[in-house]
PDB file of all heavy atoms in Angstrom:
ATOM      1  N   LEU A   1     -16.029  -1.738 -12.972  1.00  0.00           N
ATOM      2  CA  LEU A   1     -14.958  -2.788 -12.910  1.00  0.00           C
ATOM      3  C   LEU A   1     -13.580  -2.044 -12.637  1.00  0.00           C
ATOM      4  O   LEU A   1     -12.760  -2.487 -11.871  1.00  0.00           O
ATOM      5  CB  LEU A   1     -14.913  -3.521 -14.169  1.00  0.00           C
ATOM      6  CG  LEU A   1     -14.153  -4.972 -14.080  1.00  0.00           C
ATOM      7  CD1 LEU A   1     -14.858  -5.801 -13.045  1.00  0.00           C
ATOM      8  CD2 LEU A   1     -14.132  -5.645 -15.426  1.00  0.00           C
ATOM      9  N   ASN A   2     -13.429  -0.864 -13.234  1.00  0.00           N
ATOM     10  CA  ASN A   2     -12.106  -0.130 -13.033  1.00  0.00           C
ATOM     11  C   ASN A   2     -12.158   0.430 -11.594  1.00  0.00           C
ATOM     12  O   ASN A   2     -11.057   0.360 -10.935  1.00  0.00           O
ATOM     13  CB  ASN A   2     -12.181   1.138 -14.059  1.00  0.00           C
ATOM     14  CG  ASN A   2     -10.998   2.049 -13.774  1.00  0.00           C
ATOM     15  OD1 ASN A   2     -11.121   2.994 -12.982  1.00  0.00           O
ATOM     16  ND2 ASN A   2      -9.835   1.747 -14.412  1.00  0.00           N
ATOM     17  N   ARG A   3     -13.281   0.746 -11.188  1.00  0.00           N
ATOM     18  CA  ARG A   3     -13.357   1.308  -9.708  1.00  0.00           C
ATOM     19  C   ARG A   3     -13.065   0.205  -8.794  1.00  0.00           C
ATOM     20  O   ARG A   3     -12.334   0.368  -7.681  1.00  0.00           O
ATOM     21  CB  ARG A   3     -14.712   1.933  -9.408  1.00  0.00           C
ATOM     22  CG  ARG A   3     -14.932   2.245  -7.956  1.00  0.00           C
ATOM     23  CD  ARG A   3     -16.326   2.812  -7.740  1.00  0.00           C
ATOM     24  NE  ARG A   3     -16.538   4.140  -8.358  1.00  0.00           N
ATOM     25  CZ  ARG A   3     -17.633   4.872  -8.200  1.00  0.00           C
ATOM     26  NH1 ARG A   3     -18.617   4.321  -7.439  1.00  0.00           N
ATOM     27  NH2 ARG A   3     -17.780   5.925  -8.741  1.00  0.00           N
ATOM     28  N   TYR A   4     -13.522  -1.060  -8.992  1.00  0.00           N
ATOM     29  CA  TYR A   4     -13.320  -2.201  -8.158  1.00  0.00           C
ATOM     30  C   TYR A   4     -11.895  -2.574  -8.082  1.00  0.00           C
ATOM     31  O   TYR A   4     -11.308  -2.933  -7.092  1.00  0.00           O
ATOM     32  CB  TYR A   4     -14.132  -3.332  -8.507  1.00  0.00           C
ATOM     33  CG  TYR A   4     -15.701  -3.107  -8.260  1.00  0.00           C
ATOM     34  CD1 TYR A   4     -16.605  -3.908  -8.962  1.00  0.00           C
ATOM     35  CD2 TYR A   4     -16.126  -2.147  -7.387  1.00  0.00           C
ATOM     36  CE1 TYR A   4     -17.967  -3.588  -8.813  1.00  0.00           C
ATOM     37  CE2 TYR A   4     -17.391  -1.991  -7.176  1.00  0.00           C
ATOM     38  CZ  TYR A   4     -18.423  -2.717  -7.897  1.00  0.00           C
ATOM     39  OH  TYR A   4     -19.763  -2.434  -7.736  1.00  0.00           O
ATOM     40  N   ALA A   5     -11.265  -2.410  -9.378  1.00  0.00           N
ATOM     41  CA  ALA A   5      -9.878  -2.766  -9.439  1.00  0.00           C
ATOM     42  C   ALA A   5      -9.004  -1.740  -8.528  1.00  0.00           C
ATOM     43  O   ALA A   5      -8.007  -2.097  -7.889  1.00  0.00           O
ATOM     44  CB  ALA A   5      -9.408  -2.678 -10.921  1.00  0.00           C
ATOM     45  N   ARG A   6      -9.484  -0.532  -8.602  1.00  0.00           N
ATOM     46  CA  ARG A   6      -8.773   0.523  -7.684  1.00  0.00           C
ATOM     47  C   ARG A   6      -8.880   0.184  -6.269  1.00  0.00           C
ATOM     48  O   ARG A   6      -8.022   0.340  -5.473  1.00  0.00           O
ATOM     49  CB  ARG A   6      -9.472   1.764  -7.977  1.00  0.00           C
ATOM     50  CG  ARG A   6      -8.695   3.002  -7.315  1.00  0.00           C
ATOM     51  CD  ARG A   6      -9.188   4.299  -7.838  1.00  0.00           C
ATOM     52  NE  ARG A   6     -10.471   4.728  -7.340  1.00  0.00           N
ATOM     53  CZ  ARG A   6     -11.542   4.994  -8.117  1.00  0.00           C
ATOM     54  NH1 ARG A   6     -11.368   4.855  -9.342  1.00  0.00           N
ATOM     55  NH2 ARG A   6     -12.722   5.324  -7.523  1.00  0.00           N
ATOM     56  N   TYR A   7     -10.086  -0.379  -5.843  1.00  0.00           N
ATOM     57  CA  TYR A   7     -10.283  -0.714  -4.439  1.00  0.00           C
ATOM     58  C   TYR A   7      -9.351  -1.926  -4.071  1.00  0.00           C
ATOM     59  O   TYR A   7      -8.827  -1.953  -2.876  1.00  0.00           O
ATOM     60  CB  TYR A   7     -11.658  -1.151  -4.165  1.00  0.00           C
ATOM     61  CG  TYR A   7     -12.704   0.036  -4.416  1.00  0.00           C
ATOM     62  CD1 TYR A   7     -14.110  -0.194  -4.592  1.00  0.00           C
ATOM     63  CD2 TYR A   7     -12.363   1.328  -4.303  1.00  0.00           C
ATOM     64  CE1 TYR A   7     -14.975   0.782  -4.757  1.00  0.00           C
ATOM     65  CE2 TYR A   7     -13.213   2.366  -4.482  1.00  0.00           C
ATOM     66  CZ  TYR A   7     -14.571   2.124  -4.703  1.00  0.00           C
ATOM     67  OH  TYR A   7     -15.457   3.114  -4.885  1.00  0.00           O
ATOM     68  N   LEU A   8      -9.190  -2.810  -5.029  1.00  0.00           N
ATOM     69  CA  LEU A   8      -8.341  -3.944  -4.779  1.00  0.00           C
ATOM     70  C   LEU A   8      -6.876  -3.511  -4.587  1.00  0.00           C
ATOM     71  O   LEU A   8      -6.129  -3.963  -3.659  1.00  0.00           O
ATOM     72  CB  LEU A   8      -8.366  -5.027  -5.869  1.00  0.00           C
ATOM     73  CG  LEU A   8      -9.752  -5.656  -6.105  1.00  0.00           C
ATOM     74  CD1 LEU A   8      -9.506  -6.685  -7.236  1.00  0.00           C
ATOM     75  CD2 LEU A   8     -10.163  -6.374  -4.809  1.00  0.00           C
ATOM     76  N   VAL A   9      -6.399  -2.477  -5.240  1.00  0.00           N
ATOM     77  CA  VAL A   9      -5.101  -1.983  -5.193  1.00  0.00           C
ATOM     78  C   VAL A   9      -4.909  -1.426  -3.769  1.00  0.00           C
ATOM     79  O   VAL A   9      -3.914  -1.557  -3.067  1.00  0.00           O
ATOM     80  CB  VAL A   9      -4.710  -0.924  -6.264  1.00  0.00           C
ATOM     81  CG1 VAL A   9      -3.340  -0.281  -5.982  1.00  0.00           C
ATOM     82  CG2 VAL A   9      -4.796  -1.679  -7.707  1.00  0.00           C
ATOM     83  N   LEU A  10      -6.019  -0.600  -3.364  1.00  0.00           N
ATOM     84  CA  LEU A  10      -5.880  -0.017  -2.091  1.00  0.00           C
ATOM     85  C   LEU A  10      -5.845  -0.964  -0.912  1.00  0.00           C
ATOM     86  O   LEU A  10      -5.126  -0.894   0.074  1.00  0.00           O
ATOM     87  CB  LEU A  10      -7.082   0.975  -1.819  1.00  0.00           C
ATOM     88  CG  LEU A  10      -7.135   2.163  -2.778  1.00  0.00           C
ATOM     89  CD1 LEU A  10      -8.361   2.979  -2.578  1.00  0.00           C
ATOM     90  CD2 LEU A  10      -5.769   3.003  -2.711  1.00  0.00           C
ATOM     91  N   GLY A  11      -6.671  -2.131  -1.187  1.00  0.00           N
ATOM     92  CA  GLY A  11      -6.608  -3.240  -0.211  1.00  0.00           C
ATOM     93  C   GLY A  11      -5.110  -3.842  -0.123  1.00  0.00           C
ATOM     94  O   GLY A  11      -4.678  -4.359   0.952  1.00  0.00           O
ATOM     95  N   MET A  12      -4.532  -3.846  -1.266  1.00  0.00           N
ATOM     96  CA  MET A  12      -3.161  -4.466  -1.347  1.00  0.00           C
ATOM     97  C   MET A  12      -2.139  -3.625  -0.510  1.00  0.00           C
ATOM     98  O   MET A  12      -1.357  -4.190   0.156  1.00  0.00           O
ATOM     99  CB  MET A  12      -2.777  -4.510  -2.817  1.00  0.00           C
ATOM    100  CG  MET A  12      -1.523  -5.307  -3.044  1.00  0.00           C
ATOM    101  SD  MET A  12      -1.322  -5.533  -4.827  1.00  0.00           S
ATOM    102  CE  MET A  12       0.303  -6.225  -5.008  1.00  0.00           C
ATOM    103  N   VAL A  13      -2.220  -2.304  -0.616  1.00  0.00           N
ATOM    104  CA  VAL A  13      -1.265  -1.483   0.142  1.00  0.00           C
ATOM    105  C   VAL A  13      -1.567  -1.448   1.634  1.00  0.00           C
ATOM    106  O   VAL A  13      -0.685  -1.406   2.485  1.00  0.00           O
ATOM    107  CB  VAL A  13      -1.216  -0.063  -0.416  1.00  0.00           C
ATOM    108  CG1 VAL A  13      -2.524   0.741  -0.138  1.00  0.00           C
ATOM    109  CG2 VAL A  13      -0.096   0.764   0.054  1.00  0.00           C
ATOM    110  N   ALA A  14      -2.851  -1.645   2.033  1.00  0.00           N
ATOM    111  CA  ALA A  14      -3.156  -1.867   3.356  1.00  0.00           C
ATOM    112  C   ALA A  14      -2.705  -3.106   3.970  1.00  0.00           C
ATOM    113  O   ALA A  14      -2.251  -3.184   5.125  1.00  0.00           O
ATOM    114  CB  ALA A  14      -4.779  -1.682   3.588  1.00  0.00           C
ATOM    115  N   MET A  15      -2.797  -4.177   3.133  1.00  0.00           N
ATOM    116  CA  MET A  15      -2.235  -5.403   3.606  1.00  0.00           C
ATOM    117  C   MET A  15      -0.681  -5.357   3.811  1.00  0.00           C
ATOM    118  O   MET A  15      -0.186  -5.980   4.712  1.00  0.00           O
ATOM    119  CB  MET A  15      -2.596  -6.506   2.477  1.00  0.00           C
ATOM    120  CG  MET A  15      -2.099  -7.910   2.830  1.00  0.00           C
ATOM    121  SD  MET A  15      -0.464  -8.339   2.070  1.00  0.00           S
ATOM    122  CE  MET A  15      -0.923  -8.308   0.329  1.00  0.00           C
ATOM    123  N   ALA A  16      -0.051  -4.559   2.889  1.00  0.00           N
ATOM    124  CA  ALA A  16       1.369  -4.359   3.146  1.00  0.00           C
ATOM    125  C   ALA A  16       1.702  -3.702   4.444  1.00  0.00           C
ATOM    126  O   ALA A  16       2.660  -4.142   5.238  1.00  0.00           O
ATOM    127  CB  ALA A  16       1.979  -3.545   1.985  1.00  0.00           C
ATOM    128  N   LEU A  17       0.856  -2.749   4.901  1.00  0.00           N
ATOM    129  CA  LEU A  17       1.052  -2.049   6.173  1.00  0.00           C
ATOM    130  C   LEU A  17       0.808  -2.988   7.356  1.00  0.00           C
ATOM    131  O   LEU A  17       1.449  -3.006   8.338  1.00  0.00           O
ATOM    132  CB  LEU A  17       0.151  -0.851   6.263  1.00  0.00           C
ATOM    133  CG  LEU A  17       0.300  -0.110   7.554  1.00  0.00           C
ATOM    134  CD1 LEU A  17       1.697   0.442   7.833  1.00  0.00           C
ATOM    135  CD2 LEU A  17      -0.635   1.049   7.643  1.00  0.00           C
ATOM    136  N   SER A  18      -0.166  -3.878   7.134  1.00  0.00           N
ATOM    137  CA  SER A  18      -0.490  -4.885   8.168  1.00  0.00           C
ATOM    138  C   SER A  18       0.695  -5.768   8.467  1.00  0.00           C
ATOM    139  O   SER A  18       0.938  -6.184   9.640  1.00  0.00           O
ATOM    140  CB  SER A  18      -1.681  -5.820   7.746  1.00  0.00           C
ATOM    141  OG  SER A  18      -1.990  -6.815   8.604  1.00  0.00           O
ATOM    142  N   LEU A  19       1.439  -6.079   7.408  1.00  0.00           N
ATOM    143  CA  LEU A  19       2.643  -7.041   7.696  1.00  0.00           C
ATOM    144  C   LEU A  19       3.651  -6.265   8.610  1.00  0.00           C
ATOM    145  O   LEU A  19       4.166  -6.922   9.476  1.00  0.00           O
ATOM    146  CB  LEU A  19       3.322  -7.332   6.288  1.00  0.00           C
ATOM    147  CG  LEU A  19       4.507  -8.154   6.379  1.00  0.00           C
ATOM    148  CD1 LEU A  19       4.180  -9.588   6.817  1.00  0.00           C
ATOM    149  CD2 LEU A  19       5.167  -8.324   4.945  1.00  0.00           C
ATOM    150  N   SER A  20       3.929  -5.049   8.338  1.00  0.00           N
ATOM    151  CA  SER A  20       4.962  -4.299   9.149  1.00  0.00           C
ATOM    152  C   SER A  20       4.326  -3.819  10.452  1.00  0.00           C
ATOM    153  O   SER A  20       5.143  -3.961  11.478  1.00  0.00           O
ATOM    154  CB  SER A  20       5.503  -3.127   8.425  1.00  0.00           C
ATOM    155  OG  SER A  20       4.528  -2.195   8.083  1.00  0.00           O
ATOM    156  N   TRP A  21       3.130  -3.416  10.598  1.00  0.00           N
ATOM    157  CA  TRP A  21       2.601  -2.841  11.715  1.00  0.00           C
ATOM    158  C   TRP A  21       1.926  -3.976  12.610  1.00  0.00           C
ATOM    159  O   TRP A  21       2.235  -4.102  13.749  1.00  0.00           O
ATOM    160  CB  TRP A  21       1.488  -1.803  11.386  1.00  0.00           C
ATOM    161  CG  TRP A  21       0.880  -1.097  12.584  1.00  0.00           C
ATOM    162  CD1 TRP A  21       1.548  -0.969  13.776  1.00  0.00           C
ATOM    163  CD2 TRP A  21      -0.408  -0.496  12.616  1.00  0.00           C
ATOM    164  NE1 TRP A  21       0.620  -0.204  14.566  1.00  0.00           N
ATOM    165  CE2 TRP A  21      -0.535   0.042  13.932  1.00  0.00           C
ATOM    166  CE3 TRP A  21      -1.378  -0.266  11.743  1.00  0.00           C
ATOM    167  CZ2 TRP A  21      -1.745   0.666  14.383  1.00  0.00           C
ATOM    168  CZ3 TRP A  21      -2.546   0.421  12.067  1.00  0.00           C
ATOM    169  CH2 TRP A  21      -2.710   0.954  13.430  1.00  0.00           C
ATOM    170  N   GLY A  22       1.126  -4.744  12.105  1.00  0.00           N
ATOM    171  CA  GLY A  22       0.505  -5.746  12.888  1.00  0.00           C
ATOM    172  C   GLY A  22       1.294  -6.932  13.329  1.00  0.00           C
ATOM    173  O   GLY A  22       1.096  -7.482  14.367  1.00  0.00           O
ATOM    174  N   TYR A  23       2.252  -7.313  12.418  1.00  0.00           N
ATOM    175  CA  TYR A  23       3.122  -8.439  12.750  1.00  0.00           C
ATOM    176  C   TYR A  23       4.498  -8.201  13.262  1.00  0.00           C
ATOM    177  O   TYR A  23       5.084  -8.977  14.012  1.00  0.00           O
ATOM    178  CB  TYR A  23       3.175  -9.387  11.535  1.00  0.00           C
ATOM    179  CG  TYR A  23       1.986 -10.138  11.092  1.00  0.00           C
ATOM    180  CD1 TYR A  23       1.002  -9.565  10.375  1.00  0.00           C
ATOM    181  CD2 TYR A  23       1.674 -11.356  11.621  1.00  0.00           C
ATOM    182  CE1 TYR A  23      -0.186 -10.210  10.056  1.00  0.00           C
ATOM    183  CE2 TYR A  23       0.527 -12.079  11.387  1.00  0.00           C
ATOM    184  CZ  TYR A  23      -0.388 -11.549  10.541  1.00  0.00           C
ATOM    185  OH  TYR A  23      -1.627 -12.145  10.232  1.00  0.00           O
ATOM    186  N   ALA A  24       4.982  -6.941  13.023  1.00  0.00           N
ATOM    187  CA  ALA A  24       6.340  -6.584  13.455  1.00  0.00           C
ATOM    188  C   ALA A  24       6.320  -5.369  14.394  1.00  0.00           C
ATOM    189  O   ALA A  24       7.323  -5.034  14.924  1.00  0.00           O
ATOM    190  CB  ALA A  24       7.284  -6.248  12.289  1.00  0.00           C
ATOM    191  N   GLY A  25       5.096  -4.805  14.551  1.00  0.00           N
ATOM    192  CA  GLY A  25       4.981  -3.700  15.494  1.00  0.00           C
ATOM    193  C   GLY A  25       5.612  -2.373  14.883  1.00  0.00           C
ATOM    194  O   GLY A  25       5.963  -1.543  15.730  1.00  0.00           O
ATOM    195  N   ILE A  26       5.772  -2.251  13.653  1.00  0.00           N
ATOM    196  CA  ILE A  26       6.456  -1.046  13.049  1.00  0.00           C
ATOM    197  C   ILE A  26       5.362  -0.202  12.439  1.00  0.00           C
ATOM    198  O   ILE A  26       4.772  -0.492  11.441  1.00  0.00           O
ATOM    199  CB  ILE A  26       7.428  -1.438  11.913  1.00  0.00           C
ATOM    200  CG1 ILE A  26       8.378  -2.394  12.527  1.00  0.00           C
ATOM    201  CG2 ILE A  26       8.013  -0.092  11.433  1.00  0.00           C
ATOM    202  CD1 ILE A  26       9.386  -3.011  11.357  1.00  0.00           C
ATOM    203  N   LEU A  27       5.027   0.878  13.123  1.00  0.00           N
ATOM    204  CA  LEU A  27       3.945   1.774  12.678  1.00  0.00           C
ATOM    205  C   LEU A  27       4.593   2.706  11.630  1.00  0.00           C
ATOM    206  O   LEU A  27       5.124   3.702  12.023  1.00  0.00           O
ATOM    207  CB  LEU A  27       3.286   2.601  13.826  1.00  0.00           C
ATOM    208  CG  LEU A  27       2.273   3.590  13.436  1.00  0.00           C
ATOM    209  CD1 LEU A  27       1.193   2.972  12.559  1.00  0.00           C
ATOM    210  CD2 LEU A  27       1.605   4.298  14.634  1.00  0.00           C
ATOM    211  N   ASN A  28       4.414   2.441  10.356  1.00  0.00           N
ATOM    212  CA  ASN A  28       5.004   3.175   9.346  1.00  0.00           C
ATOM    213  C   ASN A  28       3.902   4.149   8.768  1.00  0.00           C
ATOM    214  O   ASN A  28       3.084   3.768   8.072  1.00  0.00           O
ATOM    215  CB  ASN A  28       5.380   2.152   8.109  1.00  0.00           C
ATOM    216  CG  ASN A  28       6.074   3.040   7.005  1.00  0.00           C
ATOM    217  OD1 ASN A  28       6.213   4.179   7.076  1.00  0.00           O
ATOM    218  ND2 ASN A  28       6.308   2.262   5.939  1.00  0.00           N
ATOM    219  N   LEU A  29       4.002   5.479   9.199  1.00  0.00           N
ATOM    220  CA  LEU A  29       3.150   6.501   8.733  1.00  0.00           C
ATOM    221  C   LEU A  29       3.552   6.973   7.367  1.00  0.00           C
ATOM    222  O   LEU A  29       2.896   7.893   6.901  1.00  0.00           O
ATOM    223  CB  LEU A  29       3.119   7.666   9.799  1.00  0.00           C
ATOM    224  CG  LEU A  29       2.525   7.347  11.099  1.00  0.00           C
ATOM    225  CD1 LEU A  29       2.423   8.675  11.942  1.00  0.00           C
ATOM    226  CD2 LEU A  29       1.013   6.765  10.952  1.00  0.00           C
ATOM    227  N   GLY A  30       4.556   6.468   6.752  1.00  0.00           N
ATOM    228  CA  GLY A  30       5.029   6.846   5.422  1.00  0.00           C
ATOM    229  C   GLY A  30       4.793   5.732   4.386  1.00  0.00           C
ATOM    230  O   GLY A  30       5.528   5.745   3.401  1.00  0.00           O
ATOM    231  N   GLN A  31       3.804   4.914   4.697  1.00  0.00           N
ATOM    232  CA  GLN A  31       3.542   3.821   3.713  1.00  0.00           C
ATOM    233  C   GLN A  31       3.194   4.287   2.298  1.00  0.00           C
ATOM    234  O   GLN A  31       3.617   3.596   1.449  1.00  0.00           O
ATOM    235  CB  GLN A  31       2.319   3.014   4.226  1.00  0.00           C
ATOM    236  CG  GLN A  31       2.138   1.738   3.438  1.00  0.00           C
ATOM    237  CD  GLN A  31       3.153   0.628   3.694  1.00  0.00           C
ATOM    238  OE1 GLN A  31       4.001   0.782   4.585  1.00  0.00           O
ATOM    239  NE2 GLN A  31       3.118  -0.431   2.824  1.00  0.00           N
ATOM    240  N   ALA A  32       2.711   5.502   2.127  1.00  0.00           N
ATOM    241  CA  ALA A  32       2.501   6.040   0.917  1.00  0.00           C
ATOM    242  C   ALA A  32       3.716   6.294  -0.017  1.00  0.00           C
ATOM    243  O   ALA A  32       3.750   6.542  -1.130  1.00  0.00           O
ATOM    244  CB  ALA A  32       1.653   7.261   0.961  1.00  0.00           C
ATOM    245  N   LEU A  33       4.900   6.403   0.796  1.00  0.00           N
ATOM    246  CA  LEU A  33       6.133   6.678   0.038  1.00  0.00           C
ATOM    247  C   LEU A  33       6.455   5.513  -0.977  1.00  0.00           C
ATOM    248  O   LEU A  33       6.763   5.714  -2.098  1.00  0.00           O
ATOM    249  CB  LEU A  33       7.239   6.762   1.117  1.00  0.00           C
ATOM    250  CG  LEU A  33       8.668   6.942   0.523  1.00  0.00           C
ATOM    251  CD1 LEU A  33       8.872   8.185  -0.434  1.00  0.00           C
ATOM    252  CD2 LEU A  33       9.725   7.007   1.611  1.00  0.00           C
ATOM    253  N   SER A  34       6.377   4.276  -0.424  1.00  0.00           N
ATOM    254  CA  SER A  34       6.644   3.109  -1.274  1.00  0.00           C
ATOM    255  C   SER A  34       5.595   2.988  -2.388  1.00  0.00           C
ATOM    256  O   SER A  34       5.851   2.780  -3.567  1.00  0.00           O
ATOM    257  CB  SER A  34       6.609   1.765  -0.476  1.00  0.00           C
ATOM    258  OG  SER A  34       7.594   1.838   0.547  1.00  0.00           O
ATOM    259  N   PHE A  35       4.392   3.282  -2.031  1.00  0.00           N
ATOM    260  CA  PHE A  35       3.305   3.260  -2.961  1.00  0.00           C
ATOM    261  C   PHE A  35       3.423   4.290  -4.131  1.00  0.00           C
ATOM    262  O   PHE A  35       3.392   4.068  -5.299  1.00  0.00           O
ATOM    263  CB  PHE A  35       1.943   3.575  -2.275  1.00  0.00           C
ATOM    264  CG  PHE A  35       0.766   3.518  -3.122  1.00  0.00           C
ATOM    265  CD1 PHE A  35       0.170   2.280  -3.483  1.00  0.00           C
ATOM    266  CD2 PHE A  35       0.117   4.718  -3.462  1.00  0.00           C
ATOM    267  CE1 PHE A  35      -1.003   2.358  -4.302  1.00  0.00           C
ATOM    268  CE2 PHE A  35      -1.084   4.731  -4.211  1.00  0.00           C
ATOM    269  CZ  PHE A  35      -1.568   3.426  -4.685  1.00  0.00           C
ATOM    270  N   GLY A  36       3.966   5.527  -3.737  1.00  0.00           N
ATOM    271  CA  GLY A  36       4.131   6.583  -4.723  1.00  0.00           C
ATOM    272  C   GLY A  36       5.296   6.286  -5.605  1.00  0.00           C
ATOM    273  O   GLY A  36       5.239   6.596  -6.763  1.00  0.00           O
ATOM    274  N   LEU A  37       6.403   5.813  -4.971  1.00  0.00           N
ATOM    275  CA  LEU A  37       7.559   5.520  -5.794  1.00  0.00           C
ATOM    276  C   LEU A  37       7.258   4.431  -6.838  1.00  0.00           C
ATOM    277  O   LEU A  37       7.672   4.601  -7.978  1.00  0.00           O
ATOM    278  CB  LEU A  37       8.665   5.041  -4.849  1.00  0.00           C
ATOM    279  CG  LEU A  37       9.295   6.081  -3.947  1.00  0.00           C
ATOM    280  CD1 LEU A  37      10.404   5.495  -3.045  1.00  0.00           C
ATOM    281  CD2 LEU A  37      10.035   7.224  -4.730  1.00  0.00           C
ATOM    282  N   GLY A  38       6.550   3.451  -6.507  1.00  0.00           N
ATOM    283  CA  GLY A  38       6.194   2.362  -7.427  1.00  0.00           C
ATOM    284  C   GLY A  38       5.273   2.917  -8.524  1.00  0.00           C
ATOM    285  O   GLY A  38       5.426   2.608  -9.758  1.00  0.00           O
ATOM    286  N   SER A  39       4.368   3.866  -8.177  1.00  0.00           N
ATOM    287  CA  SER A  39       3.603   4.522  -9.081  1.00  0.00           C
ATOM    288  C   SER A  39       4.226   5.342 -10.155  1.00  0.00           C
ATOM    289  O   SER A  39       4.048   5.268 -11.461  1.00  0.00           O
ATOM    290  CB  SER A  39       2.555   5.398  -8.389  1.00  0.00           C
ATOM    291  OG  SER A  39       1.725   6.176  -9.236  1.00  0.00           O
ATOM    292  N   TYR A  40       5.333   6.106  -9.667  1.00  0.00           N
ATOM    293  CA  TYR A  40       6.013   6.931 -10.627  1.00  0.00           C
ATOM    294  C   TYR A  40       6.895   6.110 -11.470  1.00  0.00           C
ATOM    295  O   TYR A  40       7.150   6.520 -12.652  1.00  0.00           O
ATOM    296  CB  TYR A  40       6.887   7.892  -9.762  1.00  0.00           C
ATOM    297  CG  TYR A  40       6.081   9.325  -9.536  1.00  0.00           C
ATOM    298  CD1 TYR A  40       5.152   9.452  -8.602  1.00  0.00           C
ATOM    299  CD2 TYR A  40       6.338  10.303 -10.408  1.00  0.00           C
ATOM    300  CE1 TYR A  40       4.539  10.641  -8.419  1.00  0.00           C
ATOM    301  CE2 TYR A  40       5.733  11.554 -10.291  1.00  0.00           C
ATOM    302  CZ  TYR A  40       4.701  11.746  -9.270  1.00  0.00           C
ATOM    303  OH  TYR A  40       4.069  12.864  -9.124  1.00  0.00           O
ATOM    304  N   CYS A  41       7.493   5.049 -10.991  1.00  0.00           N
ATOM    305  CA  CYS A  41       8.352   4.160 -11.876  1.00  0.00           C
ATOM    306  C   CYS A  41       7.522   3.610 -13.052  1.00  0.00           C
ATOM    307  O   CYS A  41       8.069   3.641 -14.119  1.00  0.00           O
ATOM    308  CB  CYS A  41       8.880   3.058 -11.003  1.00  0.00           C
ATOM    309  SG  CYS A  41      10.251   3.514  -9.814  1.00  0.00           S
ATOM    310  N   MET A  42       6.294   3.206 -12.863  1.00  0.00           N
ATOM    311  CA  MET A  42       5.440   2.688 -13.906  1.00  0.00           C
ATOM    312  C   MET A  42       5.085   3.849 -14.731  1.00  0.00           C
ATOM    313  O   MET A  42       5.077   3.757 -15.990  1.00  0.00           O
ATOM    314  CB  MET A  42       4.236   2.024 -13.353  1.00  0.00           C
ATOM    315  CG  MET A  42       3.218   1.515 -14.306  1.00  0.00           C
ATOM    316  SD  MET A  42       4.062   0.368 -15.627  1.00  0.00           S
ATOM    317  CE  MET A  42       4.363  -1.077 -14.539  1.00  0.00           C
ATOM    318  N   ALA A  43       4.804   4.982 -14.158  1.00  0.00           N
ATOM    319  CA  ALA A  43       4.336   6.189 -14.973  1.00  0.00           C
ATOM    320  C   ALA A  43       5.429   6.601 -15.971  1.00  0.00           C
ATOM    321  O   ALA A  43       5.256   6.959 -17.124  1.00  0.00           O
ATOM    322  CB  ALA A  43       3.857   7.300 -14.128  1.00  0.00           C
TER     323      ALA A  43
END
């Protein structure tokens, strides 16, 4: 269940990239920056 929760989180960050890349044409190769900043704030 913990592993599946991890997969859902990764699906969430991929969905975020889809919004900027697929719908606005912005290929953000630094998507992990936002992901990591959020992670460190919680940590």
